[in-house]
Amino acid sequence: MRCPYCRANDDKVVDSRLADEASAIRRRRECLACGRRYTTYERIEEVPLLVRKRSGAVEPFDRAKLRAGIERAATGRLDDATLDQLVVGIDEELRELGEVGSDKVGMAVLERLRALDAVAYLRFASVYKGFEDLADFEREVGELQKTTEPKRR
């Protein structure tokens, strides 16, 4: 770290503590050349998550856009807390990959919705997979029934 007063590169850390609600580390430093003290903050630089669209365009991941799409599919089916958990889980899974295709985002949503709510799954799948007619719904319901246990009464 370069001293802001004398521009020397030698310093020592006198004190370190968490700052900004544990999102940064505040370090008190002392310049070994001039003896003056100064404060620095160390923060994590988050790697942006990029989504490659079907058209080939690349855009930053938008968590609000993901939530809006899931929310439309799950209207009246899932509560806000469940939606939040769903979005956070997908976000964390995708961030591990760095850059993902939009198909990977859609499949991550479908996998989770399939486990949570079949109706929300079908609503999302109808838009994501571009259902054209009733046969597409029937085929998807058939696939869903093969992999889902019947409800016990």
C-alpha atoms as a PDB file:
ATOM      1  CA  MET A   1       0.000   0.000   0.000  1.00  0.00           C
ATOM      2  CA  ARG A   2       1.370   3.423  -0.944  1.00  0.00           C
ATOM      3  CA  CYS A   3       1.386   6.103   1.752  1.00  0.00           C
ATOM      4  CA  PRO A   4      -0.930   8.994   0.769  1.00  0.00           C
ATOM      5  CA  TYR A   5       1.470  11.497   2.397  1.00  0.00           C
ATOM      6  CA  CYS A   6       4.991  10.556   1.278  1.00  0.00           C
ATOM      7  CA  ARG A   7       4.162   7.950  -1.415  1.00  0.00           C
ATOM      8  CA  ALA A   8       6.443   5.321   0.176  1.00  0.00           C
ATOM      9  CA  ASN A   9       5.511   1.658  -0.240  1.00  0.00           C
ATOM     10  CA  ASP A  10       6.518   0.406   3.206  1.00  0.00           C
ATOM     11  CA  ASP A  11       3.875   0.315   5.902  1.00  0.00           C
ATOM     12  CA  LYS A  12       2.626  -1.867   8.704  1.00  0.00           C
ATOM     13  CA  VAL A  13      -0.911  -2.696   9.721  1.00  0.00           C
ATOM     14  CA  VAL A  14      -1.605  -1.346  13.199  1.00  0.00           C
ATOM     15  CA  ASP A  15      -5.253  -2.429  13.564  1.00  0.00           C
ATOM     16  CA  SER A  16      -7.817  -4.428  11.534  1.00  0.00           C
ATOM     17  CA  ARG A  17     -11.545  -4.714  12.109  1.00  0.00           C
ATOM     18  CA  LEU A  18     -14.768  -5.397  10.235  1.00  0.00           C
ATOM     19  CA  ALA A  19     -16.608  -2.411   8.780  1.00  0.00           C
ATOM     20  CA  ASP A  20     -19.795  -1.685   6.814  1.00  0.00           C
ATOM     21  CA  GLU A  21     -21.766  -4.533   8.374  1.00  0.00           C
ATOM     22  CA  ALA A  22     -18.955  -7.057   7.754  1.00  0.00           C
ATOM     23  CA  SER A  23     -18.777  -6.322   4.028  1.00  0.00           C
ATOM     24  CA  ALA A  24     -15.347  -4.684   4.354  1.00  0.00           C
ATOM     25  CA  ILE A  25     -12.216  -4.751   6.477  1.00  0.00           C
ATOM     26  CA  ARG A  26     -10.956  -1.456   7.886  1.00  0.00           C
ATOM     27  CA  ARG A  27      -7.191  -1.368   8.319  1.00  0.00           C
ATOM     28  CA  ARG A  28      -5.252   1.280  10.218  1.00  0.00           C
ATOM     29  CA  ARG A  29      -1.767   1.537   8.714  1.00  0.00           C
ATOM     30  CA  GLU A  30       1.420   3.313   9.703  1.00  0.00           C
ATOM     31  CA  CYS A  31       3.955   4.412   7.101  1.00  0.00           C
ATOM     32  CA  LEU A  32       7.451   3.186   8.011  1.00  0.00           C
ATOM     33  CA  ALA A  33       9.075   6.065   6.098  1.00  0.00           C
ATOM     34  CA  CYS A  34       7.242   9.131   7.503  1.00  0.00           C
ATOM     35  CA  GLY A  35       5.481   7.613  10.540  1.00  0.00           C
ATOM     36  CA  ARG A  36       2.026   8.985   9.659  1.00  0.00           C
ATOM     37  CA  ARG A  37      -1.071   6.848   9.972  1.00  0.00           C
ATOM     38  CA  TYR A  38      -3.884   6.354   7.461  1.00  0.00           C
ATOM     39  CA  THR A  39      -6.907   4.120   6.989  1.00  0.00           C
ATOM     40  CA  THR A  40      -7.667   1.730   4.132  1.00  0.00           C
ATOM     41  CA  TYR A  41     -10.716  -0.398   3.395  1.00  0.00           C
ATOM     42  CA  GLU A  42     -10.598  -3.811   1.807  1.00  0.00           C
ATOM     43  CA  ARG A  43     -13.699  -5.094  -0.025  1.00  0.00           C
ATOM     44  CA  ILE A  44     -14.512  -8.148  -2.072  1.00  0.00           C
ATOM     45  CA  GLU A  45     -14.723  -7.417  -5.765  1.00  0.00           C
ATOM     46  CA  GLU A  46     -17.611  -9.483  -6.985  1.00  0.00           C
ATOM     47  CA  VAL A  47     -17.243 -11.191 -10.318  1.00  0.00           C
ATOM     48  CA  PRO A  48     -20.194 -10.176 -12.478  1.00  0.00           C
ATOM     49  CA  LEU A  49     -22.430 -12.972 -13.694  1.00  0.00           C
ATOM     50  CA  LEU A  50     -22.996 -12.743 -17.440  1.00  0.00           C
ATOM     51  CA  VAL A  51     -25.839 -14.383 -19.348  1.00  0.00           C
ATOM     52  CA  ARG A  52     -25.427 -15.338 -23.007  1.00  0.00           C
ATOM     53  CA  LYS A  53     -28.792 -14.996 -24.748  1.00  0.00           C
ATOM     54  CA  ARG A  54     -29.985 -17.221 -27.589  1.00  0.00           C
ATOM     55  CA  SER A  55     -29.239 -14.375 -29.996  1.00  0.00           C
ATOM     56  CA  GLY A  56     -25.582 -14.432 -28.912  1.00  0.00           C
ATOM     57  CA  ALA A  57     -25.789 -11.154 -27.011  1.00  0.00           C
ATOM     58  CA  VAL A  58     -24.242 -11.101 -23.544  1.00  0.00           C
ATOM     59  CA  GLU A  59     -25.804  -9.113 -20.716  1.00  0.00           C
ATOM     60  CA  PRO A  60     -25.328  -8.914 -16.949  1.00  0.00           C
ATOM     61  CA  PHE A  61     -27.474 -11.217 -14.835  1.00  0.00           C
ATOM     62  CA  ASP A  62     -30.521  -9.389 -13.505  1.00  0.00           C
ATOM     63  CA  ARG A  63     -31.877 -10.933 -10.324  1.00  0.00           C
ATOM     64  CA  ALA A  64     -35.041  -8.780 -10.464  1.00  0.00           C
ATOM     65  CA  LYS A  65     -35.787 -10.021 -13.988  1.00  0.00           C
ATOM     66  CA  LEU A  66     -35.410 -13.635 -12.846  1.00  0.00           C
ATOM     67  CA  ARG A  67     -37.721 -13.043  -9.882  1.00  0.00           C
ATOM     68  CA  ALA A  68     -40.329 -11.325 -12.073  1.00  0.00           C
ATOM     69  CA  GLY A  69     -40.443 -14.312 -14.443  1.00  0.00           C
ATOM     70  CA  ILE A  70     -40.767 -16.818 -11.633  1.00  0.00           C
ATOM     71  CA  GLU A  71     -43.318 -14.631  -9.858  1.00  0.00           C
ATOM     72  CA  ARG A  72     -45.557 -14.553 -12.960  1.00  0.00           C
ATOM     73  CA  ALA A  73     -45.433 -18.347 -13.214  1.00  0.00           C
ATOM     74  CA  ALA A  74     -46.058 -18.846  -9.494  1.00  0.00           C
ATOM     75  CA  THR A  75     -48.810 -16.249  -9.022  1.00  0.00           C
ATOM     76  CA  GLY A  76     -51.126 -17.509  -6.291  1.00  0.00           C
ATOM     77  CA  ARG A  77     -49.033 -20.642  -5.843  1.00  0.00           C
ATOM     78  CA  LEU A  78     -45.886 -19.745  -3.873  1.00  0.00           C
ATOM     79  CA  ASP A  79     -45.340 -17.191  -1.115  1.00  0.00           C
ATOM     80  CA  ASP A  80     -42.729 -14.399  -1.178  1.00  0.00           C
ATOM     81  CA  ALA A  81     -40.326 -16.194   1.174  1.00  0.00           C
ATOM     82  CA  THR A  82     -40.292 -19.270  -1.059  1.00  0.00           C
ATOM     83  CA  LEU A  83     -39.758 -17.113  -4.146  1.00  0.00           C
ATOM     84  CA  ASP A  84     -36.859 -15.335  -2.436  1.00  0.00           C
ATOM     85  CA  GLN A  85     -35.238 -18.654  -1.505  1.00  0.00           C
ATOM     86  CA  LEU A  86     -35.718 -19.910  -5.042  1.00  0.00           C
ATOM     87  CA  VAL A  87     -34.085 -16.844  -6.600  1.00  0.00           C
ATOM     88  CA  VAL A  88     -31.183 -16.867  -4.122  1.00  0.00           C
ATOM     89  CA  GLY A  89     -30.549 -20.565  -4.758  1.00  0.00           C
ATOM     90  CA  ILE A  90     -30.504 -20.104  -8.526  1.00  0.00           C
ATOM     91  CA  ASP A  91     -28.307 -17.006  -8.237  1.00  0.00           C
ATOM     92  CA  GLU A  92     -25.758 -18.845  -6.058  1.00  0.00           C
ATOM     93  CA  GLU A  93     -25.708 -21.876  -8.368  1.00  0.00           C
ATOM     94  CA  LEU A  94     -25.131 -19.746 -11.466  1.00  0.00           C
ATOM     95  CA  ARG A  95     -22.481 -17.477  -9.888  1.00  0.00           C
ATOM     96  CA  GLU A  96     -20.236 -20.489  -9.449  1.00  0.00           C
ATOM     97  CA  LEU A  97     -20.158 -20.827 -13.243  1.00  0.00           C
ATOM     98  CA  GLY A  98     -19.224 -17.212 -14.165  1.00  0.00           C
ATOM     99  CA  GLU A  99     -20.884 -16.940 -17.582  1.00  0.00           C
ATOM    100  CA  VAL A 100     -23.965 -19.006 -18.406  1.00  0.00           C
ATOM    101  CA  GLY A 101     -26.354 -19.425 -21.281  1.00  0.00           C
ATOM    102  CA  SER A 102     -29.941 -18.312 -20.874  1.00  0.00           C
ATOM    103  CA  ASP A 103     -30.907 -21.963 -21.352  1.00  0.00           C
ATOM    104  CA  LYS A 104     -28.986 -22.839 -18.164  1.00  0.00           C
ATOM    105  CA  VAL A 105     -30.931 -20.178 -16.249  1.00  0.00           C
ATOM    106  CA  GLY A 106     -34.251 -21.510 -17.562  1.00  0.00           C
ATOM    107  CA  MET A 107     -33.378 -25.109 -16.755  1.00  0.00           C
ATOM    108  CA  ALA A 108     -32.320 -24.156 -13.204  1.00  0.00           C
ATOM    109  CA  VAL A 109     -35.722 -22.505 -12.700  1.00  0.00           C
ATOM    110  CA  LEU A 110     -37.593 -25.489 -14.154  1.00  0.00           C
ATOM    111  CA  GLU A 111     -35.739 -27.988 -11.933  1.00  0.00           C
ATOM    112  CA  ARG A 112     -36.619 -26.082  -8.786  1.00  0.00           C
ATOM    113  CA  LEU A 113     -40.222 -25.345  -9.769  1.00  0.00           C
ATOM    114  CA  ARG A 114     -40.765 -29.014 -10.620  1.00  0.00           C
ATOM    115  CA  ALA A 115     -39.897 -29.906  -7.030  1.00  0.00           C
ATOM    116  CA  LEU A 116     -41.988 -27.077  -5.516  1.00  0.00           C
ATOM    117  CA  ASP A 117     -45.192 -26.760  -7.529  1.00  0.00           C
ATOM    118  CA  ALA A 118     -46.356 -28.567 -10.674  1.00  0.00           C
ATOM    119  CA  VAL A 119     -48.709 -25.778 -11.803  1.00  0.00           C
ATOM    120  CA  ALA A 120     -46.027 -23.097 -11.502  1.00  0.00           C
ATOM    121  CA  TYR A 121     -43.673 -25.448 -13.345  1.00  0.00           C
ATOM    122  CA  LEU A 122     -46.145 -25.847 -16.231  1.00  0.00           C
ATOM    123  CA  ARG A 123     -46.759 -22.097 -16.428  1.00  0.00           C
ATOM    124  CA  PHE A 124     -43.038 -21.369 -16.603  1.00  0.00           C
ATOM    125  CA  ALA A 125     -42.373 -24.237 -19.018  1.00  0.00           C
ATOM    126  CA  SER A 126     -45.112 -23.045 -21.374  1.00  0.00           C
ATOM    127  CA  VAL A 127     -43.314 -19.725 -21.855  1.00  0.00           C
ATOM    128  CA  TYR A 128     -39.738 -21.000 -21.607  1.00  0.00           C
ATOM    129  CA  LYS A 129     -40.264 -23.889 -24.006  1.00  0.00           C
ATOM    130  CA  GLY A 130     -42.644 -21.917 -26.233  1.00  0.00           C
ATOM    131  CA  PHE A 131     -45.682 -24.178 -26.146  1.00  0.00           C
ATOM    132  CA  GLU A 132     -47.725 -23.821 -29.330  1.00  0.00           C
ATOM    133  CA  ASP A 133     -50.837 -25.889 -28.625  1.00  0.00           C
ATOM    134  CA  LEU A 134     -52.586 -28.222 -26.198  1.00  0.00           C
ATOM    135  CA  ALA A 135     -50.449 -31.190 -27.283  1.00  0.00           C
ATOM    136  CA  ASP A 136     -47.367 -29.474 -25.860  1.00  0.00           C
ATOM    137  CA  PHE A 137     -49.089 -29.137 -22.484  1.00  0.00           C
ATOM    138  CA  GLU A 138     -50.259 -32.763 -22.578  1.00  0.00           C
ATOM    139  CA  ARG A 139     -46.732 -33.987 -23.369  1.00  0.00           C
ATOM    140  CA  GLU A 140     -45.234 -31.939 -20.521  1.00  0.00           C
ATOM    141  CA  VAL A 141     -47.912 -33.090 -18.048  1.00  0.00           C
ATOM    142  CA  GLY A 142     -47.147 -36.670 -19.050  1.00  0.00           C
ATOM    143  CA  GLU A 143     -43.440 -36.117 -18.371  1.00  0.00           C
ATOM    144  CA  LEU A 144     -44.247 -34.437 -15.081  1.00  0.00           C
ATOM    145  CA  GLN A 145     -46.457 -37.323 -13.949  1.00  0.00           C
ATOM    146  CA  LYS A 146     -43.734 -39.864 -14.744  1.00  0.00           C
ATOM    147  CA  THR A 147     -41.282 -38.194 -12.383  1.00  0.00           C
ATOM    148  CA  THR A 148     -43.661 -36.968  -9.659  1.00  0.00           C
ATOM    149  CA  GLU A 149     -45.114 -39.166  -6.951  1.00  0.00           C
ATOM    150  CA  PRO A 150     -48.900 -39.091  -6.707  1.00  0.00           C
ATOM    151  CA  LYS A 151     -50.307 -37.049  -3.843  1.00  0.00           C
ATOM    152  CA  ARG A 152     -51.304 -39.066  -0.819  1.00  0.00           C
ATOM    153  CA  ARG A 153     -54.715 -38.396   0.689  1.00  0.00           C
END
